[in-house]
Amino acid sequence: MEPRNDTQNSEFLLLGLSEDPELQPLIFGIFLSIYLVTVLGNLLIILATISDSQLHTPMYFFLSNLSFVDICFTSTTIPKMLVNIQTQSKAITYAGCITQMYFFALFGVLDNFLLAVMAYDRYVAICHPLHYMTIINHRLCGLLVLASWFMSDLNSLLHSLMVLRLSFCTDLEIPHFFCEPNQVVHCACSDTFLNDLVVYIAAVLLAGGPLAGILYSYSKIVASVCAISSAQGKYKAFSTCASHLSVVSLFYFTLLGVYLSSAVTQNLRSTATASVMYTVVTPMLNPFIYSLRNKDIKSTLKVLFEKIKMSAL
């Protein structure tokens, strides 16, 4: 097809996970359930941290921000997918696709930054416990979260502007259930070299940087924990970061698995299915990981449920 200049009138087609009509009700039911569980679970984490004054600490402040971002991250992709299945339409407008790409990149990178910030918080808490409240004060917490939002927004804006310069043909098919940035770029009729270059540079800086920070923090944490003489002390120190380590491992291993599978296989539909792990499943599991492995969260949620039960009577 010849490239056209009226790309704002173009319409993209999201092919989804499967084109089999018989599977659509099953996919709809599964993703609706996952979305509701994700929103409810992360909302409970936020409510727990707000309602209990004992949870008004830097660690739970970062956790509540992560929960909010996870809700936004899944809300960027799943609702549109559910609407398309329900209306039996695969279409998404050019403006809608660019908007979805922007928010997907924003909350995806923000997730990454917040995990790095939480790793730094655990590093200071375990390696410098006597200076923890002095270093991780309210001002620094606000600045870290604000900087994470700023960097993520700047990255999303840059990628969106880079896509806006491309020319697209009409009725473009995207073998995914949302406007995945890489898939959209490679649907363009014009040259995408500059876009690919920006993506690779951003991946190194905005994904590699926080990951390096997380690995450095945990290397120091492991060294500090190993220096503790008592087994009980080691367990107590490690238990404070076990939930975060589980979430980090889940996020990065699923993300790495998706991009390794995309490099090995040429089946784009299989890649879309694999991406469900980090775009949908991981945000759903995060509240369970933090609530099941955290006594403070569990006790607060128990009190919260009792209050809700009493008010309902």
C-alpha atoms as a PDB file:
ATOM      1  CA  MET A   1       0.000   0.000   0.000  1.00  0.00           C
ATOM      2  CA  GLU A   2       1.068   3.577  -0.629  1.00  0.00           C
ATOM      3  CA  PRO A   3       1.549   5.769   2.409  1.00  0.00           C
ATOM      4  CA  ARG A   4      -1.134   8.379   2.937  1.00  0.00           C
ATOM      5  CA  ASN A   5      -1.037  11.753   4.654  1.00  0.00           C
ATOM      6  CA  ASP A   6      -4.552  11.510   6.163  1.00  0.00           C
ATOM      7  CA  THR A   7      -3.427   9.178   8.938  1.00  0.00           C
ATOM      8  CA  GLN A   8      -5.732  10.866  11.462  1.00  0.00           C
ATOM      9  CA  ASN A   9      -8.652   9.355   9.559  1.00  0.00           C
ATOM     10  CA  SER A  10      -7.115   5.887   9.592  1.00  0.00           C
ATOM     11  CA  GLU A  11      -8.682   3.075  11.553  1.00  0.00           C
ATOM     12  CA  PHE A  12      -6.720   0.291  13.212  1.00  0.00           C
ATOM     13  CA  LEU A  13      -8.031  -3.217  13.679  1.00  0.00           C
ATOM     14  CA  LEU A  14      -7.110  -5.039  16.894  1.00  0.00           C
ATOM     15  CA  LEU A  15      -7.154  -8.716  15.992  1.00  0.00           C
ATOM     16  CA  GLY A  16      -7.119  -9.786  19.650  1.00  0.00           C
ATOM     17  CA  LEU A  17      -5.931 -13.091  21.059  1.00  0.00           C
ATOM     18  CA  SER A  18      -8.112 -15.255  18.836  1.00  0.00           C
ATOM     19  CA  GLU A  19     -10.452 -14.800  15.890  1.00  0.00           C
ATOM     20  CA  ASP A  20     -12.469 -17.911  16.756  1.00  0.00           C
ATOM     21  CA  PRO A  21     -16.059 -16.732  17.496  1.00  0.00           C
ATOM     22  CA  GLU A  22     -16.639 -19.621  19.899  1.00  0.00           C
ATOM     23  CA  LEU A  23     -13.737 -18.515  22.112  1.00  0.00           C
ATOM     24  CA  GLN A  24     -14.865 -14.893  22.422  1.00  0.00           C
ATOM     25  CA  PRO A  25     -17.329 -15.440  25.332  1.00  0.00           C
ATOM     26  CA  LEU A  26     -14.650 -17.400  27.223  1.00  0.00           C
ATOM     27  CA  ILE A  27     -12.009 -14.710  26.625  1.00  0.00           C
ATOM     28  CA  PHE A  28     -14.499 -12.027  27.655  1.00  0.00           C
ATOM     29  CA  GLY A  29     -15.360 -13.840  30.892  1.00  0.00           C
ATOM     30  CA  ILE A  30     -11.720 -14.510  31.814  1.00  0.00           C
ATOM     31  CA  PHE A  31     -10.515 -10.957  31.163  1.00  0.00           C
ATOM     32  CA  LEU A  32     -13.527  -9.368  32.856  1.00  0.00           C
ATOM     33  CA  SER A  33     -12.879 -11.492  35.946  1.00  0.00           C
ATOM     34  CA  ILE A  34      -9.160 -10.661  35.924  1.00  0.00           C
ATOM     35  CA  TYR A  35      -9.890  -6.956  35.535  1.00  0.00           C
ATOM     36  CA  LEU A  36     -12.387  -6.883  38.405  1.00  0.00           C
ATOM     37  CA  VAL A  37     -10.015  -8.819  40.673  1.00  0.00           C
ATOM     38  CA  THR A  38      -7.141  -6.487  39.736  1.00  0.00           C
ATOM     39  CA  VAL A  39      -9.111  -3.318  40.444  1.00  0.00           C
ATOM     40  CA  LEU A  40     -10.650  -4.659  43.673  1.00  0.00           C
ATOM     41  CA  GLY A  41      -7.378  -6.116  44.984  1.00  0.00           C
ATOM     42  CA  ASN A  42      -5.343  -2.977  44.344  1.00  0.00           C
ATOM     43  CA  LEU A  43      -8.110  -0.736  45.701  1.00  0.00           C
ATOM     44  CA  LEU A  44      -8.079  -2.752  48.935  1.00  0.00           C
ATOM     45  CA  ILE A  45      -4.322  -2.203  49.232  1.00  0.00           C
ATOM     46  CA  ILE A  46      -4.834   1.558  48.775  1.00  0.00           C
ATOM     47  CA  LEU A  47      -7.721   1.646  51.278  1.00  0.00           C
ATOM     48  CA  ALA A  48      -5.688  -0.359  53.789  1.00  0.00           C
ATOM     49  CA  THR A  49      -2.735   2.033  53.625  1.00  0.00           C
ATOM     50  CA  ILE A  50      -5.019   5.064  53.954  1.00  0.00           C
ATOM     51  CA  SER A  51      -7.215   3.745  56.774  1.00  0.00           C
ATOM     52  CA  ASP A  52      -4.467   2.458  59.091  1.00  0.00           C
ATOM     53  CA  SER A  53      -2.151   5.115  60.561  1.00  0.00           C
ATOM     54  CA  GLN A  54       0.458   2.420  61.263  1.00  0.00           C
ATOM     55  CA  LEU A  55       0.817   1.970  57.509  1.00  0.00           C
ATOM     56  CA  HIS A  56       1.600   5.652  56.932  1.00  0.00           C
ATOM     57  CA  THR A  57       5.231   4.819  56.237  1.00  0.00           C
ATOM     58  CA  PRO A  58       7.387   5.277  53.104  1.00  0.00           C
ATOM     59  CA  MET A  59       7.169   1.587  52.157  1.00  0.00           C
ATOM     60  CA  TYR A  60       3.356   1.575  52.126  1.00  0.00           C
ATOM     61  CA  PHE A  61       3.243   5.004  50.490  1.00  0.00           C
ATOM     62  CA  PHE A  62       5.192   3.566  47.550  1.00  0.00           C
ATOM     63  CA  LEU A  63       3.046   0.419  47.625  1.00  0.00           C
ATOM     64  CA  SER A  64      -0.190   2.412  47.377  1.00  0.00           C
ATOM     65  CA  ASN A  65       1.257   4.323  44.419  1.00  0.00           C
ATOM     66  CA  LEU A  66       2.192   1.019  42.747  1.00  0.00           C
ATOM     67  CA  SER A  67      -1.352  -0.276  43.296  1.00  0.00           C
ATOM     68  CA  PHE A  68      -2.824   2.862  41.746  1.00  0.00           C
ATOM     69  CA  VAL A  69      -0.514   2.550  38.735  1.00  0.00           C
ATOM     70  CA  ASP A  70      -1.444  -1.137  38.318  1.00  0.00           C
ATOM     71  CA  ILE A  71      -5.137  -0.210  38.198  1.00  0.00           C
ATOM     72  CA  CYS A  72      -4.417   2.430  35.559  1.00  0.00           C
ATOM     73  CA  PHE A  73      -2.128   0.068  33.619  1.00  0.00           C
ATOM     74  CA  THR A  74      -4.799  -2.604  33.203  1.00  0.00           C
ATOM     75  CA  SER A  75      -7.511   0.002  32.608  1.00  0.00           C
ATOM     76  CA  THR A  76      -5.540   1.208  29.594  1.00  0.00           C
ATOM     77  CA  THR A  77      -5.979  -2.051  27.680  1.00  0.00           C
ATOM     78  CA  ILE A  78      -8.620  -4.422  29.093  1.00  0.00           C
ATOM     79  CA  PRO A  79     -11.792  -2.246  28.936  1.00  0.00           C
ATOM     80  CA  LYS A  80     -11.290  -1.524  25.230  1.00  0.00           C
ATOM     81  CA  MET A  81     -10.709  -5.212  24.590  1.00  0.00           C
ATOM     82  CA  LEU A  82     -13.927  -6.123  26.448  1.00  0.00           C
ATOM     83  CA  VAL A  83     -15.916  -3.506  24.536  1.00  0.00           C
ATOM     84  CA  ASN A  84     -14.599  -4.815  21.207  1.00  0.00           C
ATOM     85  CA  ILE A  85     -15.577  -8.385  22.091  1.00  0.00           C
ATOM     86  CA  GLN A  86     -19.019  -7.327  23.314  1.00  0.00           C
ATOM     87  CA  THR A  87     -19.753  -5.183  20.240  1.00  0.00           C
ATOM     88  CA  GLN A  88     -18.063  -7.690  17.894  1.00  0.00           C
ATOM     89  CA  SER A  89     -15.901  -4.885  16.555  1.00  0.00           C
ATOM     90  CA  LYS A  90     -12.125  -4.859  16.213  1.00  0.00           C
ATOM     91  CA  ALA A  91     -11.821  -1.194  15.309  1.00  0.00           C
ATOM     92  CA  ILE A  92      -9.976   1.502  17.208  1.00  0.00           C
ATOM     93  CA  THR A  93      -9.534   5.016  15.883  1.00  0.00           C
ATOM     94  CA  TYR A  94      -6.162   6.582  15.133  1.00  0.00           C
ATOM     95  CA  ALA A  95      -6.576   9.015  18.035  1.00  0.00           C
ATOM     96  CA  GLY A  96      -7.729   6.200  20.321  1.00  0.00           C
ATOM     97  CA  CYS A  97      -4.725   4.076  19.413  1.00  0.00           C
ATOM     98  CA  ILE A  98      -2.241   6.907  20.031  1.00  0.00           C
ATOM     99  CA  THR A  99      -3.927   7.647  23.367  1.00  0.00           C
ATOM    100  CA  GLN A 100      -3.789   3.997  24.400  1.00  0.00           C
ATOM    101  CA  MET A 101      -0.118   3.807  23.433  1.00  0.00           C
ATOM    102  CA  TYR A 102       0.651   6.927  25.463  1.00  0.00           C
ATOM    103  CA  PHE A 103      -0.968   5.656  28.670  1.00  0.00           C
ATOM    104  CA  PHE A 104       0.377   2.119  28.199  1.00  0.00           C
ATOM    105  CA  ALA A 105       3.940   3.461  27.969  1.00  0.00           C
ATOM    106  CA  LEU A 106       3.319   5.903  30.827  1.00  0.00           C
ATOM    107  CA  PHE A 107       2.094   3.362  33.370  1.00  0.00           C
ATOM    108  CA  GLY A 108       4.417   0.584  32.169  1.00  0.00           C
ATOM    109  CA  VAL A 109       7.536   2.712  32.698  1.00  0.00           C
ATOM    110  CA  LEU A 110       6.092   4.152  35.920  1.00  0.00           C
ATOM    111  CA  ASP A 111       5.683   0.599  37.245  1.00  0.00           C
ATOM    112  CA  ASN A 112       9.354   0.065  36.488  1.00  0.00           C
ATOM    113  CA  PHE A 113      10.459   3.247  38.288  1.00  0.00           C
ATOM    114  CA  LEU A 114       8.324   2.565  41.358  1.00  0.00           C
ATOM    115  CA  LEU A 115       9.785  -0.933  41.728  1.00  0.00           C
ATOM    116  CA  ALA A 116      13.272   0.647  41.670  1.00  0.00           C
ATOM    117  CA  VAL A 117      12.233   3.269  44.247  1.00  0.00           C
ATOM    118  CA  MET A 118      10.824   0.532  46.489  1.00  0.00           C
ATOM    119  CA  ALA A 119      14.079  -1.418  46.164  1.00  0.00           C
ATOM    120  CA  TYR A 120      16.003   1.688  47.285  1.00  0.00           C
ATOM    121  CA  ASP A 121      13.621   2.047  50.228  1.00  0.00           C
ATOM    122  CA  ARG A 122      14.303  -1.558  51.310  1.00  0.00           C
ATOM    123  CA  TYR A 123      18.051  -1.029  50.832  1.00  0.00           C
ATOM    124  CA  VAL A 124      18.083   1.937  53.211  1.00  0.00           C
ATOM    125  CA  ALA A 125      15.794   0.163  55.705  1.00  0.00           C
ATOM    126  CA  ILE A 126      18.025  -2.921  55.928  1.00  0.00           C
ATOM    127  CA  CYS A 127      21.507  -1.522  55.306  1.00  0.00           C
ATOM    128  CA  HIS A 128      21.087   1.801  57.158  1.00  0.00           C
ATOM    129  CA  PRO A 129      18.275   1.184  59.680  1.00  0.00           C
ATOM    130  CA  LEU A 130      19.393   3.876  62.153  1.00  0.00           C
ATOM    131  CA  HIS A 131      19.270   6.566  59.476  1.00  0.00           C
ATOM    132  CA  TYR A 132      16.167   5.276  57.684  1.00  0.00           C
ATOM    133  CA  MET A 133      13.695   7.941  58.863  1.00  0.00           C
ATOM    134  CA  THR A 134      16.264  10.675  58.250  1.00  0.00           C
ATOM    135  CA  ILE A 135      17.068   9.564  54.687  1.00  0.00           C
ATOM    136  CA  ILE A 136      13.635   8.357  53.543  1.00  0.00           C
ATOM    137  CA  ASN A 137      11.682  11.373  54.748  1.00  0.00           C
ATOM    138  CA  HIS A 138       8.340  12.665  53.436  1.00  0.00           C
ATOM    139  CA  ARG A 139      10.024  15.186  51.159  1.00  0.00           C
ATOM    140  CA  LEU A 140      12.234  12.560  49.486  1.00  0.00           C
ATOM    141  CA  CYS A 141       9.270  10.183  49.081  1.00  0.00           C
ATOM    142  CA  GLY A 142       7.304  12.875  47.287  1.00  0.00           C
ATOM    143  CA  LEU A 143      10.260  13.828  45.107  1.00  0.00           C
ATOM    144  CA  LEU A 144      10.953  10.207  44.107  1.00  0.00           C
ATOM    145  CA  VAL A 145       7.347   9.601  43.076  1.00  0.00           C
ATOM    146  CA  LEU A 146       7.127  12.968  41.311  1.00  0.00           C
ATOM    147  CA  ALA A 147      10.372  12.284  39.429  1.00  0.00           C
ATOM    148  CA  SER A 148       9.055   8.857  38.407  1.00  0.00           C
ATOM    149  CA  TRP A 149       5.880  10.430  37.009  1.00  0.00           C
ATOM    150  CA  PHE A 150       7.839  13.135  35.210  1.00  0.00           C
ATOM    151  CA  MET A 151      10.294  10.742  33.538  1.00  0.00           C
ATOM    152  CA  SER A 152       7.514   8.337  32.554  1.00  0.00           C
ATOM    153  CA  ASP A 153       5.377  11.133  31.131  1.00  0.00           C
ATOM    154  CA  LEU A 154       8.330  12.552  29.191  1.00  0.00           C
ATOM    155  CA  ASN A 155       9.053   9.117  27.700  1.00  0.00           C
ATOM    156  CA  SER A 156       5.408   8.533  26.728  1.00  0.00           C
ATOM    157  CA  LEU A 157       5.119  11.972  25.177  1.00  0.00           C
ATOM    158  CA  LEU A 158       8.285  11.420  23.155  1.00  0.00           C
ATOM    159  CA  HIS A 159       7.092   8.062  21.804  1.00  0.00           C
ATOM    160  CA  SER A 160       3.658   9.481  20.977  1.00  0.00           C
ATOM    161  CA  LEU A 161       5.174  12.383  19.062  1.00  0.00           C
ATOM    162  CA  MET A 162       7.480   9.982  17.231  1.00  0.00           C
ATOM    163  CA  VAL A 163       4.467   7.917  16.118  1.00  0.00           C
ATOM    164  CA  LEU A 164       2.566  11.031  15.027  1.00  0.00           C
ATOM    165  CA  ARG A 165       5.280  11.779  12.452  1.00  0.00           C
ATOM    166  CA  LEU A 166       4.673   8.421  10.720  1.00  0.00           C
ATOM    167  CA  SER A 167       2.337   7.827   7.807  1.00  0.00           C
ATOM    168  CA  PHE A 168      -0.110   4.914   7.983  1.00  0.00           C
ATOM    169  CA  CYS A 169      -2.267   3.189   5.445  1.00  0.00           C
ATOM    170  CA  THR A 170      -5.975   2.622   6.079  1.00  0.00           C
ATOM    171  CA  ASP A 171      -7.559  -0.359   7.882  1.00  0.00           C
ATOM    172  CA  LEU A 172      -4.329  -1.504   9.494  1.00  0.00           C
ATOM    173  CA  GLU A 173      -4.354  -4.815  11.309  1.00  0.00           C
ATOM    174  CA  ILE A 174      -2.556  -5.136  14.631  1.00  0.00           C
ATOM    175  CA  PRO A 175      -2.125  -8.775  15.784  1.00  0.00           C
ATOM    176  CA  HIS A 176      -2.640  -7.821  19.419  1.00  0.00           C
ATOM    177  CA  PHE A 177      -5.427  -7.063  21.899  1.00  0.00           C
ATOM    178  CA  PHE A 178      -4.243  -3.467  22.344  1.00  0.00           C
ATOM    179  CA  CYS A 179      -2.139  -0.896  20.485  1.00  0.00           C
ATOM    180  CA  GLU A 180       1.236  -2.302  21.459  1.00  0.00           C
ATOM    181  CA  PRO A 181       3.757   0.434  20.551  1.00  0.00           C
ATOM    182  CA  ASN A 182       6.186  -1.803  18.659  1.00  0.00           C
ATOM    183  CA  GLN A 183       3.392  -3.387  16.601  1.00  0.00           C
ATOM    184  CA  VAL A 184       1.892  -0.012  15.726  1.00  0.00           C
ATOM    185  CA  VAL A 185       5.223   1.468  14.621  1.00  0.00           C
ATOM    186  CA  HIS A 186       5.936  -1.440  12.317  1.00  0.00           C
ATOM    187  CA  CYS A 187       2.539  -1.033  10.669  1.00  0.00           C
ATOM    188  CA  ALA A 188       3.628   2.336   9.313  1.00  0.00           C
ATOM    189  CA  CYS A 189       4.184   2.863   5.605  1.00  0.00           C
ATOM    190  CA  SER A 190       7.001   5.360   6.201  1.00  0.00           C
ATOM    191  CA  ASP A 191      10.529   4.777   7.480  1.00  0.00           C
ATOM    192  CA  THR A 192      10.640   3.728  11.165  1.00  0.00           C
ATOM    193  CA  PHE A 193      14.417   3.753  11.738  1.00  0.00           C
ATOM    194  CA  LEU A 194      14.310   6.820  13.999  1.00  0.00           C
ATOM    195  CA  ASN A 195      11.433   5.335  16.001  1.00  0.00           C
ATOM    196  CA  ASP A 196      13.298   2.068  16.507  1.00  0.00           C
ATOM    197  CA  LEU A 197      16.412   3.963  17.591  1.00  0.00           C
ATOM    198  CA  VAL A 198      14.458   5.972  20.180  1.00  0.00           C
ATOM    199  CA  VAL A 199      12.814   2.783  21.469  1.00  0.00           C
ATOM    200  CA  TYR A 200      16.161   1.028  21.959  1.00  0.00           C
ATOM    201  CA  ILE A 201      17.744   4.042  23.674  1.00  0.00           C
ATOM    202  CA  ALA A 202      14.713   4.470  25.946  1.00  0.00           C
ATOM    203  CA  ALA A 203      14.726   0.750  26.785  1.00  0.00           C
ATOM    204  CA  VAL A 204      18.368   0.905  27.852  1.00  0.00           C
ATOM    205  CA  LEU A 205      17.928   4.057  29.931  1.00  0.00           C
ATOM    206  CA  LEU A 206      14.429   3.652  31.358  1.00  0.00           C
ATOM    207  CA  ALA A 207      14.363  -0.124  31.790  1.00  0.00           C
ATOM    208  CA  GLY A 208      18.042  -0.937  32.217  1.00  0.00           C
ATOM    209  CA  GLY A 209      18.645   1.958  34.630  1.00  0.00           C
ATOM    210  CA  PRO A 210      15.967   1.007  37.205  1.00  0.00           C
ATOM    211  CA  LEU A 211      16.847  -2.686  36.826  1.00  0.00           C
ATOM    212  CA  ALA A 212      20.496  -1.904  37.562  1.00  0.00           C
ATOM    213  CA  GLY A 213      19.377   0.060  40.615  1.00  0.00           C
ATOM    214  CA  ILE A 214      17.260  -2.851  41.820  1.00  0.00           C
ATOM    215  CA  LEU A 215      20.109  -5.347  41.348  1.00  0.00           C
ATOM    216  CA  TYR A 216      22.551  -3.047  43.160  1.00  0.00           C
ATOM    217  CA  SER A 217      20.124  -2.519  46.056  1.00  0.00           C
ATOM    218  CA  TYR A 218      19.528  -6.241  46.485  1.00  0.00           C
ATOM    219  CA  SER A 219      23.228  -7.070  46.233  1.00  0.00           C
ATOM    220  CA  LYS A 220      23.795  -4.734  49.197  1.00  0.00           C
ATOM    221  CA  ILE A 221      20.759  -6.173  51.004  1.00  0.00           C
ATOM    222  CA  VAL A 222      22.011  -9.750  50.579  1.00  0.00           C
ATOM    223  CA  ALA A 223      25.458  -8.737  51.843  1.00  0.00           C
ATOM    224  CA  SER A 224      23.920  -7.061  54.900  1.00  0.00           C
ATOM    225  CA  VAL A 225      21.601  -9.985  55.640  1.00  0.00           C
ATOM    226  CA  CYS A 226      24.487 -12.481  55.368  1.00  0.00           C
ATOM    227  CA  ALA A 227      26.449 -10.392  57.907  1.00  0.00           C
ATOM    228  CA  ILE A 228      23.700 -10.859  60.517  1.00  0.00           C
ATOM    229  CA  SER A 229      24.740 -13.568  62.965  1.00  0.00           C
ATOM    230  CA  SER A 230      21.362 -14.892  64.170  1.00  0.00           C
ATOM    231  CA  ALA A 231      19.049 -16.902  61.924  1.00  0.00           C
ATOM    232  CA  GLN A 232      16.046 -15.058  63.359  1.00  0.00           C
ATOM    233  CA  GLY A 233      17.628 -11.718  62.473  1.00  0.00           C
ATOM    234  CA  LYS A 234      18.285 -12.863  58.920  1.00  0.00           C
ATOM    235  CA  TYR A 235      14.696 -14.051  58.539  1.00  0.00           C
ATOM    236  CA  LYS A 236      13.270 -10.796  59.914  1.00  0.00           C
ATOM    237  CA  ALA A 237      15.463  -8.690  57.621  1.00  0.00           C
ATOM    238  CA  PHE A 238      14.683 -10.740  54.530  1.00  0.00           C
ATOM    239  CA  SER A 239      10.940 -10.916  55.267  1.00  0.00           C
ATOM    240  CA  THR A 240      10.691  -7.112  54.968  1.00  0.00           C
ATOM    241  CA  CYS A 241      11.652  -7.251  51.287  1.00  0.00           C
ATOM    242  CA  ALA A 242      10.366 -10.721  50.304  1.00  0.00           C
ATOM    243  CA  SER A 243       7.091  -9.371  48.861  1.00  0.00           C
ATOM    244  CA  HIS A 244       8.851  -6.719  46.820  1.00  0.00           C
ATOM    245  CA  LEU A 245      11.397  -9.211  45.542  1.00  0.00           C
ATOM    246  CA  SER A 246       8.573 -11.525  44.455  1.00  0.00           C
ATOM    247  CA  VAL A 247       6.835  -8.708  42.545  1.00  0.00           C
ATOM    248  CA  VAL A 248      10.100  -7.592  40.913  1.00  0.00           C
ATOM    249  CA  SER A 249      10.904 -11.160  39.833  1.00  0.00           C
ATOM    250  CA  LEU A 250       7.405 -11.667  38.438  1.00  0.00           C
ATOM    251  CA  PHE A 251       7.465  -8.369  36.527  1.00  0.00           C
ATOM    252  CA  TYR A 252      10.909  -8.704  34.949  1.00  0.00           C
ATOM    253  CA  PHE A 253      10.844 -12.430  34.237  1.00  0.00           C
ATOM    254  CA  THR A 254       7.467 -12.220  32.479  1.00  0.00           C
ATOM    255  CA  LEU A 255       8.618  -9.141  30.543  1.00  0.00           C
ATOM    256  CA  LEU A 256      11.855 -10.868  29.576  1.00  0.00           C
ATOM    257  CA  GLY A 257       9.949 -14.020  28.616  1.00  0.00           C
ATOM    258  CA  VAL A 258       7.666 -12.089  26.272  1.00  0.00           C
ATOM    259  CA  TYR A 259      10.485 -10.396  24.391  1.00  0.00           C
ATOM    260  CA  LEU A 260      12.579 -13.558  24.207  1.00  0.00           C
ATOM    261  CA  SER A 261       9.601 -15.444  22.802  1.00  0.00           C
ATOM    262  CA  SER A 262       9.013 -12.674  20.254  1.00  0.00           C
ATOM    263  CA  ALA A 263      12.640 -12.962  19.156  1.00  0.00           C
ATOM    264  CA  VAL A 264      12.411 -16.755  18.778  1.00  0.00           C
ATOM    265  CA  THR A 265       9.008 -17.084  17.131  1.00  0.00           C
ATOM    266  CA  GLN A 266       7.621 -15.149  14.172  1.00  0.00           C
ATOM    267  CA  ASN A 267       4.059 -15.842  15.304  1.00  0.00           C
ATOM    268  CA  LEU A 268       2.844 -12.415  16.424  1.00  0.00           C
ATOM    269  CA  ARG A 269      -0.382 -13.863  17.857  1.00  0.00           C
ATOM    270  CA  SER A 270       1.677 -16.054  20.200  1.00  0.00           C
ATOM    271  CA  THR A 271       3.618 -12.997  21.322  1.00  0.00           C
ATOM    272  CA  ALA A 272       0.345 -11.206  22.069  1.00  0.00           C
ATOM    273  CA  THR A 273      -0.803 -14.153  24.181  1.00  0.00           C
ATOM    274  CA  ALA A 274       2.495 -14.183  26.077  1.00  0.00           C
ATOM    275  CA  SER A 275       2.252 -10.436  26.769  1.00  0.00           C
ATOM    276  CA  VAL A 276      -0.902 -11.126  28.802  1.00  0.00           C
ATOM    277  CA  MET A 277       1.430 -12.221  31.604  1.00  0.00           C
ATOM    278  CA  TYR A 278       3.003  -8.831  32.300  1.00  0.00           C
ATOM    279  CA  THR A 279       0.144  -6.593  31.112  1.00  0.00           C
ATOM    280  CA  VAL A 280      -2.730  -8.396  32.840  1.00  0.00           C
ATOM    281  CA  VAL A 281      -1.676 -11.218  35.162  1.00  0.00           C
ATOM    282  CA  THR A 282       1.156  -9.442  37.029  1.00  0.00           C
ATOM    283  CA  PRO A 283      -0.981  -6.434  38.148  1.00  0.00           C
ATOM    284  CA  MET A 284      -3.619  -8.920  39.341  1.00  0.00           C
ATOM    285  CA  LEU A 285      -1.138 -10.972  41.397  1.00  0.00           C
ATOM    286  CA  ASN A 286       0.627  -8.027  43.064  1.00  0.00           C
ATOM    287  CA  PRO A 287      -2.083  -7.422  45.727  1.00  0.00           C
ATOM    288  CA  PHE A 288      -2.144 -11.134  46.588  1.00  0.00           C
ATOM    289  CA  ILE A 289       1.634 -11.233  46.971  1.00  0.00           C
ATOM    290  CA  TYR A 290       1.681  -8.206  49.274  1.00  0.00           C
ATOM    291  CA  SER A 291      -1.360  -9.234  51.326  1.00  0.00           C
ATOM    292  CA  LEU A 292      -0.419 -12.894  51.752  1.00  0.00           C
ATOM    293  CA  ARG A 293       3.214 -12.216  52.671  1.00  0.00           C
ATOM    294  CA  ASN A 294       2.648  -9.115  54.806  1.00  0.00           C
ATOM    295  CA  LYS A 295       1.210  -9.354  58.319  1.00  0.00           C
ATOM    296  CA  ASP A 296       0.479  -5.624  58.559  1.00  0.00           C
ATOM    297  CA  ILE A 297      -1.564  -5.615  55.356  1.00  0.00           C
ATOM    298  CA  LYS A 298      -3.392  -8.802  56.359  1.00  0.00           C
ATOM    299  CA  SER A 299      -4.354  -7.470  59.789  1.00  0.00           C
ATOM    300  CA  THR A 300      -5.484  -4.127  58.351  1.00  0.00           C
ATOM    301  CA  LEU A 301      -7.569  -5.819  55.659  1.00  0.00           C
ATOM    302  CA  LYS A 302      -9.142  -8.044  58.309  1.00  0.00           C
ATOM    303  CA  VAL A 303     -10.191  -4.988  60.338  1.00  0.00           C
ATOM    304  CA  LEU A 304     -11.416  -3.287  57.156  1.00  0.00           C
ATOM    305  CA  PHE A 305     -13.572  -6.285  56.211  1.00  0.00           C
ATOM    306  CA  GLU A 306     -15.025  -6.418  59.728  1.00  0.00           C
ATOM    307  CA  LYS A 307     -15.975  -2.728  59.511  1.00  0.00           C
ATOM    308  CA  ILE A 308     -17.622  -3.293  56.131  1.00  0.00           C
ATOM    309  CA  LYS A 309     -19.472  -6.321  57.512  1.00  0.00           C
ATOM    310  CA  MET A 310     -20.706  -4.376  60.554  1.00  0.00           C
ATOM    311  CA  SER A 311     -21.872  -1.444  58.450  1.00  0.00           C
ATOM    312  CA  ALA A 312     -23.771  -3.807  56.162  1.00  0.00           C
ATOM    313  CA  LEU A 313     -25.744  -5.313  59.071  1.00  0.00           C
END
